[in-house]
């Protein structure tokens, strides 16, 4: 089953080229919601940037279903929500969140990735 992404190929601009792939939930990639939480973990393969993008509206059950997220080029997510662009060079271990609707990203501070 192929998902219909929020933006079509002809709507994509070169905003964040050459950064590789990322994981983004369908709330961002398909529904077009803004990113409200982003973090960068150790990449799992050579083309993976390590970036993970969430809208902040995903429940635990939603996140446990792998069909609700997918691998996308970082440039695609930058086109859905250009507010992520200034943070894309942050190192592995970085995490940022928007605490207010329409607000700016802030360091997530006490965030730590789940240990598998």
PDB file of N, CA and C in Angstrom:
ATOM      1  N   UNK A   1       0.846  -1.185   0.000  1.00  0.00           N
ATOM      2  CA  UNK A   1       0.000   0.000   0.000  1.00  0.00           C
ATOM      3  C   UNK A   1       0.889   1.246   0.000  1.00  0.00           C
ATOM      4  N   UNK A   2       0.663   2.091  -0.965  1.00  0.00           N
ATOM      5  CA  UNK A   2       1.442   3.322  -1.073  1.00  0.00           C
ATOM      6  C   UNK A   2       0.683   4.469  -0.402  1.00  0.00           C
ATOM      7  N   UNK A   3       1.405   5.274   0.333  1.00  0.00           N
ATOM      8  CA  UNK A   3       0.789   6.407   1.021  1.00  0.00           C
ATOM      9  C   UNK A   3       0.842   7.635   0.133  1.00  0.00           C
ATOM     10  N   UNK A   4      -0.188   8.458   0.212  1.00  0.00           N
ATOM     11  CA  UNK A   4      -0.201   9.729  -0.502  1.00  0.00           C
ATOM     12  C   UNK A   4       0.412  10.779   0.415  1.00  0.00           C
ATOM     13  N   UNK A   5       1.604  11.229   0.048  1.00  0.00           N
ATOM     14  CA  UNK A   5       2.297  12.221   0.862  1.00  0.00           C
ATOM     15  C   UNK A   5       1.619  13.580   0.773  1.00  0.00           C
ATOM     16  N   UNK A   6       1.827  14.377   1.785  1.00  0.00           N
ATOM     17  CA  UNK A   6       1.228  15.714   1.872  1.00  0.00           C
ATOM     18  C   UNK A   6       1.674  16.605   0.711  1.00  0.00           C
ATOM     19  N   UNK A   7       2.949  16.527   0.342  1.00  0.00           N
ATOM     20  CA  UNK A   7       3.487  17.330  -0.757  1.00  0.00           C
ATOM     21  C   UNK A   7       3.828  16.427  -1.929  1.00  0.00           C
ATOM     22  N   UNK A   8       3.496  16.884  -3.133  1.00  0.00           N
ATOM     23  CA  UNK A   8       3.854  16.132  -4.334  1.00  0.00           C
ATOM     24  C   UNK A   8       5.264  16.525  -4.773  1.00  0.00           C
ATOM     25  N   UNK A   9       5.851  15.731  -5.624  1.00  0.00           N
ATOM     26  CA  UNK A   9       7.234  15.953  -6.076  1.00  0.00           C
ATOM     27  C   UNK A   9       7.424  17.348  -6.660  1.00  0.00           C
ATOM     28  N   UNK A  10       6.415  17.869  -7.361  1.00  0.00           N
ATOM     29  CA  UNK A  10       6.572  19.195  -7.988  1.00  0.00           C
ATOM     30  C   UNK A  10       6.452  20.339  -6.972  1.00  0.00           C
ATOM     31  N   UNK A  11       6.080  20.042  -5.752  1.00  0.00           N
ATOM     32  CA  UNK A  11       6.000  21.060  -4.699  1.00  0.00           C
ATOM     33  C   UNK A  11       7.280  21.137  -3.865  1.00  0.00           C
ATOM     34  N   UNK A  12       8.184  20.197  -4.060  1.00  0.00           N
ATOM     35  CA  UNK A  12       9.390  20.111  -3.243  1.00  0.00           C
ATOM     36  C   UNK A  12      10.470  21.054  -3.774  1.00  0.00           C
ATOM     37  N   UNK A  13      10.985  21.880  -2.879  1.00  0.00           N
ATOM     38  CA  UNK A  13      12.106  22.766  -3.187  1.00  0.00           C
ATOM     39  C   UNK A  13      13.358  22.207  -2.525  1.00  0.00           C
ATOM     40  N   UNK A  14      14.507  22.625  -3.007  1.00  0.00           N
ATOM     41  CA  UNK A  14      15.763  22.211  -2.393  1.00  0.00           C
ATOM     42  C   UNK A  14      16.024  23.153  -1.218  1.00  0.00           C
ATOM     43  N   UNK A  15      15.684  22.691  -0.017  1.00  0.00           N
ATOM     44  CA  UNK A  15      15.838  23.490   1.199  1.00  0.00           C
ATOM     45  C   UNK A  15      16.906  22.927   2.125  1.00  0.00           C
ATOM     46  N   UNK A  16      17.045  21.616   2.129  1.00  0.00           N
ATOM     47  CA  UNK A  16      18.004  20.941   3.019  1.00  0.00           C
ATOM     48  C   UNK A  16      18.602  19.754   2.262  1.00  0.00           C
ATOM     49  N   UNK A  17      19.419  20.029   1.252  1.00  0.00           N
ATOM     50  CA  UNK A  17      19.931  18.949   0.402  1.00  0.00           C
ATOM     51  C   UNK A  17      21.065  18.156   1.050  1.00  0.00           C
ATOM     52  N   UNK A  18      21.172  16.910   0.629  1.00  0.00           N
ATOM     53  CA  UNK A  18      22.317  16.089   0.975  1.00  0.00           C
ATOM     54  C   UNK A  18      22.411  15.624   2.409  1.00  0.00           C
ATOM     55  N   UNK A  19      21.330  15.676   3.154  1.00  0.00           N
ATOM     56  CA  UNK A  19      21.380  15.277   4.564  1.00  0.00           C
ATOM     57  C   UNK A  19      20.979  13.824   4.785  1.00  0.00           C
ATOM     58  N   UNK A  20      20.463  13.187   3.765  1.00  0.00           N
ATOM     59  CA  UNK A  20      20.080  11.788   3.893  1.00  0.00           C
ATOM     60  C   UNK A  20      18.634  11.615   4.293  1.00  0.00           C
ATOM     61  N   UNK A  21      18.353  10.450   4.840  1.00  0.00           N
ATOM     62  CA  UNK A  21      16.982  10.115   5.198  1.00  0.00           C
ATOM     63  C   UNK A  21      16.727  10.348   6.685  1.00  0.00           C
ATOM     64  N   UNK A  22      15.459  10.299   7.027  1.00  0.00           N
ATOM     65  CA  UNK A  22      15.021  10.466   8.408  1.00  0.00           C
ATOM     66  C   UNK A  22      13.757   9.646   8.591  1.00  0.00           C
ATOM     67  N   UNK A  23      13.304   9.555   9.808  1.00  0.00           N
ATOM     68  CA  UNK A  23      12.007   8.942  10.082  1.00  0.00           C
ATOM     69  C   UNK A  23      11.050  10.068  10.467  1.00  0.00           C
ATOM     70  N   UNK A  24       9.878  10.026   9.884  1.00  0.00           N
ATOM     71  CA  UNK A  24       8.840  11.001  10.214  1.00  0.00           C
ATOM     72  C   UNK A  24       7.512  10.260  10.317  1.00  0.00           C
ATOM     73  N   UNK A  25       6.686  10.688  11.238  1.00  0.00           N
ATOM     74  CA  UNK A  25       5.379  10.049  11.364  1.00  0.00           C
ATOM     75  C   UNK A  25       4.478  10.522  10.227  1.00  0.00           C
ATOM     76  N   UNK A  26       3.428   9.741   9.986  1.00  0.00           N
ATOM     77  CA  UNK A  26       2.471  10.096   8.943  1.00  0.00           C
ATOM     78  C   UNK A  26       1.722  11.381   9.271  1.00  0.00           C
ATOM     79  N   UNK A  27       1.649  11.738  10.536  1.00  0.00           N
ATOM     80  CA  UNK A  27       0.992  13.004  10.888  1.00  0.00           C
ATOM     81  C   UNK A  27       1.729  14.169  10.226  1.00  0.00           C
ATOM     82  N   UNK A  28       3.027  14.033  10.020  1.00  0.00           N
ATOM     83  CA  UNK A  28       3.823  15.057   9.345  1.00  0.00           C
ATOM     84  C   UNK A  28       3.856  14.795   7.844  1.00  0.00           C
ATOM     85  N   UNK A  29       4.331  13.615   7.449  1.00  0.00           N
ATOM     86  CA  UNK A  29       4.578  13.314   6.043  1.00  0.00           C
ATOM     87  C   UNK A  29       3.313  13.197   5.201  1.00  0.00           C
ATOM     88  N   UNK A  30       2.250  12.671   5.777  1.00  0.00           N
ATOM     89  CA  UNK A  30       1.004  12.447   5.032  1.00  0.00           C
ATOM     90  C   UNK A  30      -0.019  13.542   5.324  1.00  0.00           C
ATOM     91  N   UNK A  31      -0.205  13.868   6.605  1.00  0.00           N
ATOM     92  CA  UNK A  31      -1.218  14.852   6.974  1.00  0.00           C
ATOM     93  C   UNK A  31      -0.709  16.289   6.892  1.00  0.00           C
ATOM     94  N   UNK A  32       0.601  16.474   6.913  1.00  0.00           N
ATOM     95  CA  UNK A  32       1.167  17.820   6.794  1.00  0.00           C
ATOM     96  C   UNK A  32       1.173  18.638   8.066  1.00  0.00           C
ATOM     97  N   UNK A  33       1.057  17.981   9.226  1.00  0.00           N
ATOM     98  CA  UNK A  33       1.109  18.711  10.486  1.00  0.00           C
ATOM     99  C   UNK A  33       2.533  19.209  10.740  1.00  0.00           C
ATOM    100  N   UNK A  34       2.688  20.295  11.466  1.00  0.00           N
ATOM    101  CA  UNK A  34       4.039  20.795  11.751  1.00  0.00           C
ATOM    102  C   UNK A  34       4.783  19.894  12.734  1.00  0.00           C
ATOM    103  N   UNK A  35       6.099  19.951  12.656  1.00  0.00           N
ATOM    104  CA  UNK A  35       6.951  19.226  13.589  1.00  0.00           C
ATOM    105  C   UNK A  35       6.919  19.968  14.921  1.00  0.00           C
ATOM    106  N   UNK A  36       6.682  19.212  15.999  1.00  0.00           N
ATOM    107  CA  UNK A  36       6.719  19.824  17.332  1.00  0.00           C
ATOM    108  C   UNK A  36       7.761  19.179  18.218  1.00  0.00           C
ATOM    109  N   UNK A  37       8.310  18.031  17.758  1.00  0.00           N
ATOM    110  CA  UNK A  37       9.389  17.379  18.492  1.00  0.00           C
ATOM    111  C   UNK A  37      10.311  16.716  17.484  1.00  0.00           C
ATOM    112  N   UNK A  38      11.595  16.947  17.647  1.00  0.00           N
ATOM    113  CA  UNK A  38      12.587  16.345  16.754  1.00  0.00           C
ATOM    114  C   UNK A  38      13.810  15.967  17.569  1.00  0.00           C
ATOM    115  N   UNK A  39      14.377  14.833  17.234  1.00  0.00           N
ATOM    116  CA  UNK A  39      15.588  14.408  17.918  1.00  0.00           C
ATOM    117  C   UNK A  39      16.490  13.674  16.937  1.00  0.00           C
ATOM    118  N   UNK A  40      17.763  13.640  17.286  1.00  0.00           N
ATOM    119  CA  UNK A  40      18.735  12.992  16.408  1.00  0.00           C
ATOM    120  C   UNK A  40      19.448  11.902  17.189  1.00  0.00           C
ATOM    121  N   UNK A  41      19.311  10.687  16.687  1.00  0.00           N
ATOM    122  CA  UNK A  41      19.955   9.550  17.314  1.00  0.00           C
ATOM    123  C   UNK A  41      21.029   8.980  16.391  1.00  0.00           C
ATOM    124  N   UNK A  42      21.734   8.004  16.879  1.00  0.00           N
ATOM    125  CA  UNK A  42      22.765   7.349  16.081  1.00  0.00           C
ATOM    126  C   UNK A  42      22.104   6.779  14.824  1.00  0.00           C
ATOM    127  N   UNK A  43      22.613   7.086  13.637  1.00  0.00           N
ATOM    128  CA  UNK A  43      22.021   6.544  12.403  1.00  0.00           C
ATOM    129  C   UNK A  43      22.061   5.015  12.388  1.00  0.00           C
ATOM    130  N   UNK A  44      21.063   4.413  11.725  1.00  0.00           N
ATOM    131  CA  UNK A  44      20.995   2.959  11.652  1.00  0.00           C
ATOM    132  C   UNK A  44      21.580   2.395  10.359  1.00  0.00           C
ATOM    133  N   UNK A  45      21.860   3.262   9.378  1.00  0.00           N
ATOM    134  CA  UNK A  45      22.515   2.845   8.136  1.00  0.00           C
ATOM    135  C   UNK A  45      23.184   4.063   7.512  1.00  0.00           C
ATOM    136  N   UNK A  46      23.954   3.840   6.465  1.00  0.00           N
ATOM    137  CA  UNK A  46      24.809   4.885   5.892  1.00  0.00           C
ATOM    138  C   UNK A  46      24.055   6.130   5.432  1.00  0.00           C
ATOM    139  N   UNK A  47      22.863   5.989   4.878  1.00  0.00           N
ATOM    140  CA  UNK A  47      22.146   7.169   4.380  1.00  0.00           C
ATOM    141  C   UNK A  47      21.219   7.801   5.419  1.00  0.00           C
ATOM    142  N   UNK A  48      21.141   7.212   6.605  1.00  0.00           N
ATOM    143  CA  UNK A  48      20.278   7.719   7.671  1.00  0.00           C
ATOM    144  C   UNK A  48      20.948   8.913   8.357  1.00  0.00           C
ATOM    145  N   UNK A  49      20.223  10.009   8.466  1.00  0.00           N
ATOM    146  CA  UNK A  49      20.738  11.196   9.150  1.00  0.00           C
ATOM    147  C   UNK A  49      20.656  11.060  10.671  1.00  0.00           C
ATOM    148  N   UNK A  50      19.803  10.150  11.137  1.00  0.00           N
ATOM    149  CA  UNK A  50      19.561  10.010  12.566  1.00  0.00           C
ATOM    150  C   UNK A  50      18.393  10.852  13.057  1.00  0.00           C
ATOM    151  N   UNK A  51      17.865  11.729  12.202  1.00  0.00           N
ATOM    152  CA  UNK A  51      16.759  12.597  12.621  1.00  0.00           C
ATOM    153  C   UNK A  51      15.451  11.825  12.671  1.00  0.00           C
ATOM    154  N   UNK A  52      14.661  12.137  13.702  1.00  0.00           N
ATOM    155  CA  UNK A  52      13.319  11.580  13.900  1.00  0.00           C
ATOM    156  C   UNK A  52      12.394  12.760  14.167  1.00  0.00           C
ATOM    157  N   UNK A  53      11.276  12.820  13.431  1.00  0.00           N
ATOM    158  CA  UNK A  53      10.367  13.964  13.506  1.00  0.00           C
ATOM    159  C   UNK A  53       8.968  13.508  13.906  1.00  0.00           C
ATOM    160  N   UNK A  54       8.387  14.207  14.887  1.00  0.00           N
ATOM    161  CA  UNK A  54       7.044  13.900  15.378  1.00  0.00           C
ATOM    162  C   UNK A  54       6.221  15.179  15.482  1.00  0.00           C
ATOM    163  N   UNK A  55       4.918  15.034  15.374  1.00  0.00           N
ATOM    164  CA  UNK A  55       4.027  16.189  15.490  1.00  0.00           C
ATOM    165  C   UNK A  55       3.720  16.513  16.951  1.00  0.00           C
ATOM    166  N   UNK A  56       3.985  15.570  17.833  1.00  0.00           N
ATOM    167  CA  UNK A  56       3.634  15.748  19.240  1.00  0.00           C
ATOM    168  C   UNK A  56       2.230  15.271  19.550  1.00  0.00           C
ATOM    169  N   UNK A  57       1.509  14.823  18.537  1.00  0.00           N
ATOM    170  CA  UNK A  57       0.144  14.334  18.734  1.00  0.00           C
ATOM    171  C   UNK A  57       0.055  12.817  18.636  1.00  0.00           C
ATOM    172  N   UNK A  58       1.191  12.147  18.524  1.00  0.00           N
ATOM    173  CA  UNK A  58       1.214  10.706  18.390  1.00  0.00           C
ATOM    174  C   UNK A  58       1.087  10.039  19.759  1.00  0.00           C
ATOM    175  N   UNK A  59       0.171   9.103  19.873  1.00  0.00           N
ATOM    176  CA  UNK A  59       0.023   8.331  21.111  1.00  0.00           C
ATOM    177  C   UNK A  59       1.054   7.199  21.103  1.00  0.00           C
ATOM    178  N   UNK A  60       1.207   6.549  22.240  1.00  0.00           N
ATOM    179  CA  UNK A  60       2.100   5.393  22.304  1.00  0.00           C
ATOM    180  C   UNK A  60       1.636   4.308  21.331  1.00  0.00           C
ATOM    181  N   UNK A  61       0.337   4.069  21.289  1.00  0.00           N
ATOM    182  CA  UNK A  61      -0.205   3.052  20.389  1.00  0.00           C
ATOM    183  C   UNK A  61       0.073   3.414  18.928  1.00  0.00           C
ATOM    184  N   UNK A  62      -0.062   4.671  18.592  1.00  0.00           N
ATOM    185  CA  UNK A  62       0.230   5.135  17.229  1.00  0.00           C
ATOM    186  C   UNK A  62       1.685   4.855  16.886  1.00  0.00           C
ATOM    187  N   UNK A  63       2.596   5.168  17.796  1.00  0.00           N
ATOM    188  CA  UNK A  63       4.025   4.996  17.549  1.00  0.00           C
ATOM    189  C   UNK A  63       4.418   3.521  17.482  1.00  0.00           C
ATOM    190  N   UNK A  64       3.703   2.666  18.178  1.00  0.00           N
ATOM    191  CA  UNK A  64       4.022   1.242  18.153  1.00  0.00           C
ATOM    192  C   UNK A  64       3.663   0.594  16.825  1.00  0.00           C
ATOM    193  N   UNK A  65       2.820   1.226  16.029  1.00  0.00           N
ATOM    194  CA  UNK A  65       2.439   0.705  14.718  1.00  0.00           C
ATOM    195  C   UNK A  65       3.403   1.267  13.668  1.00  0.00           C
ATOM    196  N   UNK A  66       4.303   0.427  13.185  1.00  0.00           N
ATOM    197  CA  UNK A  66       5.321   0.865  12.223  1.00  0.00           C
ATOM    198  C   UNK A  66       4.716   1.432  10.942  1.00  0.00           C
ATOM    199  N   UNK A  67       3.468   1.097  10.642  1.00  0.00           N
ATOM    200  CA  UNK A  67       2.820   1.629   9.434  1.00  0.00           C
ATOM    201  C   UNK A  67       2.503   3.116   9.548  1.00  0.00           C
ATOM    202  N   UNK A  68       2.626   3.685  10.744  1.00  0.00           N
ATOM    203  CA  UNK A  68       2.319   5.102  10.961  1.00  0.00           C
ATOM    204  C   UNK A  68       3.530   6.013  10.811  1.00  0.00           C
ATOM    205  N   UNK A  69       4.635   5.457  10.362  1.00  0.00           N
ATOM    206  CA  UNK A  69       5.840   6.259  10.153  1.00  0.00           C
ATOM    207  C   UNK A  69       6.586   5.717   8.951  1.00  0.00           C
ATOM    208  N   UNK A  70       7.489   6.515   8.440  1.00  0.00           N
ATOM    209  CA  UNK A  70       8.235   6.066   7.278  1.00  0.00           C
ATOM    210  C   UNK A  70       9.534   6.815   7.121  1.00  0.00           C
ATOM    211  N   UNK A  71      10.374   6.283   6.244  1.00  0.00           N
ATOM    212  CA  UNK A  71      11.650   6.917   5.930  1.00  0.00           C
ATOM    213  C   UNK A  71      11.429   7.921   4.804  1.00  0.00           C
ATOM    214  N   UNK A  72      11.943   9.116   4.998  1.00  0.00           N
ATOM    215  CA  UNK A  72      11.804  10.193   4.020  1.00  0.00           C
ATOM    216  C   UNK A  72      13.120  10.937   3.926  1.00  0.00           C
ATOM    217  N   UNK A  73      13.320  11.631   2.830  1.00  0.00           N
ATOM    218  CA  UNK A  73      14.481  12.503   2.723  1.00  0.00           C
ATOM    219  C   UNK A  73      14.272  13.668   3.697  1.00  0.00           C
ATOM    220  N   UNK A  74      15.328  14.062   4.381  1.00  0.00           N
ATOM    221  CA  UNK A  74      15.233  15.201   5.304  1.00  0.00           C
ATOM    222  C   UNK A  74      14.696  16.430   4.574  1.00  0.00           C
ATOM    223  N   UNK A  75      15.063  16.593   3.313  1.00  0.00           N
ATOM    224  CA  UNK A  75      14.582  17.728   2.524  1.00  0.00           C
ATOM    225  C   UNK A  75      13.054  17.741   2.431  1.00  0.00           C
ATOM    226  N   UNK A  76      12.420  16.557   2.372  1.00  0.00           N
ATOM    227  CA  UNK A  76      10.959  16.501   2.331  1.00  0.00           C
ATOM    228  C   UNK A  76      10.367  17.088   3.607  1.00  0.00           C
ATOM    229  N   UNK A  77      10.886  16.682   4.751  1.00  0.00           N
ATOM    230  CA  UNK A  77      10.376  17.198   6.031  1.00  0.00           C
ATOM    231  C   UNK A  77      10.632  18.701   6.118  1.00  0.00           C
ATOM    232  N   UNK A  78      11.774  19.159   5.628  1.00  0.00           N
ATOM    233  CA  UNK A  78      12.077  20.597   5.628  1.00  0.00           C
ATOM    234  C   UNK A  78      11.075  21.364   4.783  1.00  0.00           C
ATOM    235  N   UNK A  79      10.545  20.751   3.745  1.00  0.00           N
ATOM    236  CA  UNK A  79       9.522  21.398   2.935  1.00  0.00           C
ATOM    237  C   UNK A  79       8.173  21.403   3.626  1.00  0.00           C
ATOM    238  N   UNK A  80       7.846  20.356   4.358  1.00  0.00           N
ATOM    239  CA  UNK A  80       6.588  20.316   5.113  1.00  0.00           C
ATOM    240  C   UNK A  80       6.631  21.357   6.228  1.00  0.00           C
ATOM    241  N   UNK A  81       7.778  21.450   6.919  1.00  0.00           N
ATOM    242  CA  UNK A  81       7.920  22.390   8.028  1.00  0.00           C
ATOM    243  C   UNK A  81       9.316  23.007   8.007  1.00  0.00           C
ATOM    244  N   UNK A  82       9.484  24.132   7.316  1.00  0.00           N
ATOM    245  CA  UNK A  82      10.806  24.766   7.216  1.00  0.00           C
ATOM    246  C   UNK A  82      11.400  25.227   8.546  1.00  0.00           C
ATOM    247  N   UNK A  83      10.621  25.261   9.611  1.00  0.00           N
ATOM    248  CA  UNK A  83      11.165  25.691  10.900  1.00  0.00           C
ATOM    249  C   UNK A  83      12.218  24.719  11.442  1.00  0.00           C
ATOM    250  N   UNK A  84      12.312  23.513  10.869  1.00  0.00           N
ATOM    251  CA  UNK A  84      13.318  22.549  11.332  1.00  0.00           C
ATOM    252  C   UNK A  84      14.709  22.858  10.782  1.00  0.00           C
ATOM    253  N   UNK A  85      14.785  23.589   9.688  1.00  0.00           N
ATOM    254  CA  UNK A  85      16.041  23.772   8.951  1.00  0.00           C
ATOM    255  C   UNK A  85      17.197  24.288   9.808  1.00  0.00           C
ATOM    256  N   UNK A  86      17.038  25.309  10.643  1.00  0.00           N
ATOM    257  CA  UNK A  86      18.189  25.802  11.408  1.00  0.00           C
ATOM    258  C   UNK A  86      18.793  24.783  12.377  1.00  0.00           C
ATOM    259  N   UNK A  87      18.088  23.698  12.664  1.00  0.00           N
ATOM    260  CA  UNK A  87      18.534  22.727  13.660  1.00  0.00           C
ATOM    261  C   UNK A  87      19.140  21.466  13.049  1.00  0.00           C
ATOM    262  N   UNK A  88      19.114  21.348  11.735  1.00  0.00           N
ATOM    263  CA  UNK A  88      19.494  20.104  11.078  1.00  0.00           C
ATOM    264  C   UNK A  88      20.978  19.767  11.152  1.00  0.00           C
ATOM    265  N   UNK A  89      21.812  20.718  11.554  1.00  0.00           N
ATOM    266  CA  UNK A  89      23.241  20.431  11.720  1.00  0.00           C
ATOM    267  C   UNK A  89      23.591  20.103  13.167  1.00  0.00           C
ATOM    268  N   UNK A  90      22.599  20.039  14.034  1.00  0.00           N
ATOM    269  CA  UNK A  90      22.837  19.705  15.442  1.00  0.00           C
ATOM    270  C   UNK A  90      23.391  18.285  15.553  1.00  0.00           C
ATOM    271  N   UNK A  91      24.225  18.038  16.550  1.00  0.00           N
ATOM    272  CA  UNK A  91      24.861  16.720  16.673  1.00  0.00           C
ATOM    273  C   UNK A  91      23.908  15.624  17.155  1.00  0.00           C
ATOM    274  N   UNK A  92      24.352  14.390  16.977  1.00  0.00           N
ATOM    275  CA  UNK A  92      23.627  13.233  17.496  1.00  0.00           C
ATOM    276  C   UNK A  92      23.436  13.432  19.004  1.00  0.00           C
ATOM    277  N   UNK A  93      22.241  13.125  19.473  1.00  0.00           N
ATOM    278  CA  UNK A  93      21.902  13.326  20.880  1.00  0.00           C
ATOM    279  C   UNK A  93      21.090  14.590  21.115  1.00  0.00           C
ATOM    280  N   UNK A  94      20.964  15.421  20.081  1.00  0.00           N
ATOM    281  CA  UNK A  94      20.186  16.658  20.201  1.00  0.00           C
ATOM    282  C   UNK A  94      18.696  16.358  20.154  1.00  0.00           C
ATOM    283  N   UNK A  95      17.916  17.185  20.830  1.00  0.00           N
ATOM    284  CA  UNK A  95      16.460  17.076  20.817  1.00  0.00           C
ATOM    285  C   UNK A  95      15.875  18.471  20.997  1.00  0.00           C
ATOM    286  N   UNK A  96      14.843  18.767  20.212  1.00  0.00           N
ATOM    287  CA  UNK A  96      14.206  20.080  20.249  1.00  0.00           C
ATOM    288  C   UNK A  96      12.700  19.909  20.251  1.00  0.00           C
ATOM    289  N   UNK A  97      12.027  20.843  20.930  1.00  0.00           N
ATOM    290  CA  UNK A  97      10.571  20.793  20.999  1.00  0.00           C
ATOM    291  C   UNK A  97       9.993  22.196  20.909  1.00  0.00           C
ATOM    292  N   UNK A  98       8.766  22.247  20.430  1.00  0.00           N
ATOM    293  CA  UNK A  98       7.986  23.489  20.460  1.00  0.00           C
ATOM    294  C   UNK A  98       6.987  23.323  21.589  1.00  0.00           C
ATOM    295  N   UNK A  99       7.030  24.230  22.546  1.00  0.00           N
ATOM    296  CA  UNK A  99       6.126  24.112  23.681  1.00  0.00           C
ATOM    297  C   UNK A  99       4.835  24.899  23.479  1.00  0.00           C
ATOM    298  N   UNK A 100       4.850  25.867  22.577  1.00  0.00           N
ATOM    299  CA  UNK A 100       3.660  26.673  22.290  1.00  0.00           C
ATOM    300  C   UNK A 100       3.250  26.493  20.837  1.00  0.00           C
ATOM    301  N   UNK A 101       1.954  26.546  20.587  1.00  0.00           N
ATOM    302  CA  UNK A 101       1.440  26.494  19.220  1.00  0.00           C
ATOM    303  C   UNK A 101       2.038  27.649  18.434  1.00  0.00           C
ATOM    304  N   UNK A 102       2.701  27.338  17.342  1.00  0.00           N
ATOM    305  CA  UNK A 102       3.308  28.376  16.518  1.00  0.00           C
ATOM    306  C   UNK A 102       4.584  28.953  17.094  1.00  0.00           C
ATOM    307  N   UNK A 103       5.061  28.373  18.207  1.00  0.00           N
ATOM    308  CA  UNK A 103       6.275  28.873  18.845  1.00  0.00           C
ATOM    309  C   UNK A 103       7.533  28.383  18.151  1.00  0.00           C
ATOM    310  N   UNK A 104       8.667  28.763  18.715  1.00  0.00           N
ATOM    311  CA  UNK A 104       9.961  28.370  18.181  1.00  0.00           C
ATOM    312  C   UNK A 104      10.462  27.115  18.888  1.00  0.00           C
ATOM    313  N   UNK A 105      11.364  26.396  18.220  1.00  0.00           N
ATOM    314  CA  UNK A 105      11.982  25.233  18.840  1.00  0.00           C
ATOM    315  C   UNK A 105      12.876  25.668  19.988  1.00  0.00           C
ATOM    316  N   UNK A 106      12.885  24.857  21.021  1.00  0.00           N
ATOM    317  CA  UNK A 106      13.775  25.039  22.161  1.00  0.00           C
ATOM    318  C   UNK A 106      14.456  23.713  22.433  1.00  0.00           C
ATOM    319  N   UNK A 107      15.612  23.768  23.056  1.00  0.00           N
ATOM    320  CA  UNK A 107      16.303  22.546  23.444  1.00  0.00           C
ATOM    321  C   UNK A 107      15.383  21.750  24.366  1.00  0.00           C
ATOM    322  N   UNK A 108      15.232  20.458  24.105  1.00  0.00           N
ATOM    323  CA  UNK A 108      14.344  19.631  24.917  1.00  0.00           C
ATOM    324  C   UNK A 108      14.948  19.298  26.276  1.00  0.00           C
ATOM    325  N   UNK A 109      16.191  19.671  26.473  1.00  0.00           N
ATOM    326  CA  UNK A 109      16.811  19.588  27.787  1.00  0.00           C
ATOM    327  C   UNK A 109      16.917  18.200  28.375  1.00  0.00           C
ATOM    328  N   UNK A 110      15.902  17.793  29.112  1.00  0.00           N
ATOM    329  CA  UNK A 110      15.965  16.552  29.863  1.00  0.00           C
ATOM    330  C   UNK A 110      15.583  15.317  29.063  1.00  0.00           C
ATOM    331  N   UNK A 111      15.366  15.478  27.759  1.00  0.00           N
ATOM    332  CA  UNK A 111      14.957  14.348  26.931  1.00  0.00           C
ATOM    333  C   UNK A 111      16.100  13.353  26.765  1.00  0.00           C
ATOM    334  N   UNK A 112      15.770  12.081  26.876  1.00  0.00           N
ATOM    335  CA  UNK A 112      16.737  11.016  26.590  1.00  0.00           C
ATOM    336  C   UNK A 112      16.031   9.948  25.776  1.00  0.00           C
ATOM    337  N   UNK A 113      16.713   9.378  24.774  1.00  0.00           N
ATOM    338  CA  UNK A 113      16.075   8.351  23.957  1.00  0.00           C
ATOM    339  C   UNK A 113      15.778   7.092  24.774  1.00  0.00           C
ATOM    340  N   UNK A 114      14.750   6.363  24.347  1.00  0.00           N
ATOM    341  CA  UNK A 114      14.434   5.090  24.981  1.00  0.00           C
ATOM    342  C   UNK A 114      15.556   4.107  24.692  1.00  0.00           C
ATOM    343  N   UNK A 115      15.900   3.311  25.669  1.00  0.00           N
ATOM    344  CA  UNK A 115      16.906   2.265  25.474  1.00  0.00           C
ATOM    345  C   UNK A 115      16.175   0.995  25.094  1.00  0.00           C
ATOM    346  N   UNK A 116      16.538   0.417  23.972  1.00  0.00           N
ATOM    347  CA  UNK A 116      15.899  -0.849  23.530  1.00  0.00           C
ATOM    348  C   UNK A 116      16.611  -2.039  24.122  1.00  0.00           C
TER     349      UNK A 116
END
